[in-house]
Amino acid sequence: MPLPLLRAYIDETGDRGHSGKSSAFFAFAAVLVADEDEGDLRAAMSKLRRNLSVPAARHCTGTSTSRRFNGVSM
């Protein structure tokens, strides 16, 4: 039996630099999604983008959306 196809979405946050502008933390996050659940993930991301008023062509970041996050229904 073939192994199921999983997609990995990986992102990082923070800055590993050593200047005064560098953040105190650097972290990675990952989400594994089964191929058959890809459509559900994309639908959830579309809803999140709509709720946070982030256009589809724009990169969605915590920094750019956190100011508008309070009171938003997910």
C-alpha atoms as a PDB file:
ATOM      1  CA  MET A   1       0.000   0.000   0.000  1.00  0.00           C
ATOM      2  CA  PRO A   2       1.428   3.430  -0.936  1.00  0.00           C
ATOM      3  CA  LEU A   3       2.093   5.974   1.776  1.00  0.00           C
ATOM      4  CA  PRO A   4      -0.385   8.866   1.977  1.00  0.00           C
ATOM      5  CA  LEU A   5       0.682  12.202   0.510  1.00  0.00           C
ATOM      6  CA  LEU A   6       1.255  14.861   3.179  1.00  0.00           C
ATOM      7  CA  ARG A   7       1.976  18.511   2.528  1.00  0.00           C
ATOM      8  CA  ALA A   8       4.161  20.433   4.960  1.00  0.00           C
ATOM      9  CA  TYR A   9       3.712  24.169   5.433  1.00  0.00           C
ATOM     10  CA  ILE A  10       6.599  25.677   7.388  1.00  0.00           C
ATOM     11  CA  ASP A  11       7.065  29.258   8.559  1.00  0.00           C
ATOM     12  CA  GLU A  12       9.479  31.118  10.790  1.00  0.00           C
ATOM     13  CA  THR A  13       9.220  34.173  12.979  1.00  0.00           C
ATOM     14  CA  GLY A  14      11.815  36.392  14.545  1.00  0.00           C
ATOM     15  CA  ASP A  15      15.257  37.529  13.535  1.00  0.00           C
ATOM     16  CA  ARG A  16      18.453  35.610  14.285  1.00  0.00           C
ATOM     17  CA  GLY A  17      20.601  38.717  13.848  1.00  0.00           C
ATOM     18  CA  HIS A  18      22.738  40.312  16.520  1.00  0.00           C
ATOM     19  CA  SER A  19      21.778  43.974  16.111  1.00  0.00           C
ATOM     20  CA  GLY A  20      19.551  46.111  18.294  1.00  0.00           C
ATOM     21  CA  LYS A  21      16.683  45.477  15.866  1.00  0.00           C
ATOM     22  CA  SER A  22      16.909  41.693  16.227  1.00  0.00           C
ATOM     23  CA  SER A  23      14.134  39.990  18.153  1.00  0.00           C
ATOM     24  CA  ALA A  24      14.731  38.044  21.345  1.00  0.00           C
ATOM     25  CA  PHE A  25      13.141  34.921  19.868  1.00  0.00           C
ATOM     26  CA  PHE A  26      13.384  32.880  16.689  1.00  0.00           C
ATOM     27  CA  ALA A  27      10.858  30.086  16.105  1.00  0.00           C
ATOM     28  CA  PHE A  28       9.540  27.700  13.474  1.00  0.00           C
ATOM     29  CA  ALA A  29       6.009  26.354  13.055  1.00  0.00           C
ATOM     30  CA  ALA A  30       4.804  23.596  10.784  1.00  0.00           C
ATOM     31  CA  VAL A  31       1.453  22.182   9.721  1.00  0.00           C
ATOM     32  CA  LEU A  32       1.090  18.789   8.046  1.00  0.00           C
ATOM     33  CA  VAL A  33      -1.980  18.399   5.853  1.00  0.00           C
ATOM     34  CA  ALA A  34      -3.150  15.205   4.204  1.00  0.00           C
ATOM     35  CA  ASP A  35      -3.622  15.626   0.463  1.00  0.00           C
ATOM     36  CA  GLU A  36      -7.359  14.922   0.727  1.00  0.00           C
ATOM     37  CA  ASP A  37      -7.699  17.772   3.281  1.00  0.00           C
ATOM     38  CA  GLU A  38      -5.939  20.392   1.146  1.00  0.00           C
ATOM     39  CA  GLY A  39      -9.257  21.871  -0.030  1.00  0.00           C
ATOM     40  CA  ASP A  40     -10.455  22.334   3.562  1.00  0.00           C
ATOM     41  CA  LEU A  41      -7.200  24.087   4.469  1.00  0.00           C
ATOM     42  CA  ARG A  42      -7.458  26.445   1.498  1.00  0.00           C
ATOM     43  CA  ALA A  43     -11.101  27.244   2.373  1.00  0.00           C
ATOM     44  CA  ALA A  44     -10.118  28.007   5.984  1.00  0.00           C
ATOM     45  CA  MET A  45      -7.274  30.267   4.808  1.00  0.00           C
ATOM     46  CA  SER A  46      -9.627  32.110   2.440  1.00  0.00           C
ATOM     47  CA  LYS A  47     -12.073  32.706   5.298  1.00  0.00           C
ATOM     48  CA  LEU A  48      -9.267  33.924   7.553  1.00  0.00           C
ATOM     49  CA  ARG A  49      -8.014  36.313   4.869  1.00  0.00           C
ATOM     50  CA  ARG A  50     -11.544  37.683   4.351  1.00  0.00           C
ATOM     51  CA  ASN A  51     -12.078  38.162   8.095  1.00  0.00           C
ATOM     52  CA  LEU A  52      -8.729  39.952   8.435  1.00  0.00           C
ATOM     53  CA  SER A  53      -9.162  41.936   5.182  1.00  0.00           C
ATOM     54  CA  VAL A  54      -5.982  40.538   3.640  1.00  0.00           C
ATOM     55  CA  PRO A  55      -6.137  40.397  -0.191  1.00  0.00           C
ATOM     56  CA  ALA A  56      -5.350  37.010  -1.746  1.00  0.00           C
ATOM     57  CA  ALA A  57      -2.263  38.372  -3.523  1.00  0.00           C
ATOM     58  CA  ARG A  58      -0.760  39.849  -0.337  1.00  0.00           C
ATOM     59  CA  HIS A  59       1.509  37.979   2.060  1.00  0.00           C
ATOM     60  CA  CYS A  60      -0.393  37.365   5.312  1.00  0.00           C
ATOM     61  CA  THR A  61       1.800  38.128   8.333  1.00  0.00           C
ATOM     62  CA  GLY A  62       1.126  38.404  12.042  1.00  0.00           C
ATOM     63  CA  THR A  63       2.680  41.852  12.098  1.00  0.00           C
ATOM     64  CA  SER A  64       0.397  43.188   9.375  1.00  0.00           C
ATOM     65  CA  THR A  65      -2.798  41.678  10.809  1.00  0.00           C
ATOM     66  CA  SER A  66      -2.339  41.737  14.608  1.00  0.00           C
ATOM     67  CA  ARG A  67      -3.500  45.354  14.912  1.00  0.00           C
ATOM     68  CA  ARG A  68      -6.866  44.362  13.412  1.00  0.00           C
ATOM     69  CA  PHE A  69      -7.181  41.005  15.181  1.00  0.00           C
ATOM     70  CA  ASN A  70      -9.123  42.034  18.330  1.00  0.00           C
ATOM     71  CA  GLY A  71     -12.814  41.293  17.957  1.00  0.00           C
ATOM     72  CA  VAL A  72     -12.518  39.401  14.678  1.00  0.00           C
ATOM     73  CA  SER A  73     -14.625  36.248  14.532  1.00  0.00           C
ATOM     74  CA  MET A  74     -12.736  33.305  13.066  1.00  0.00           C
END
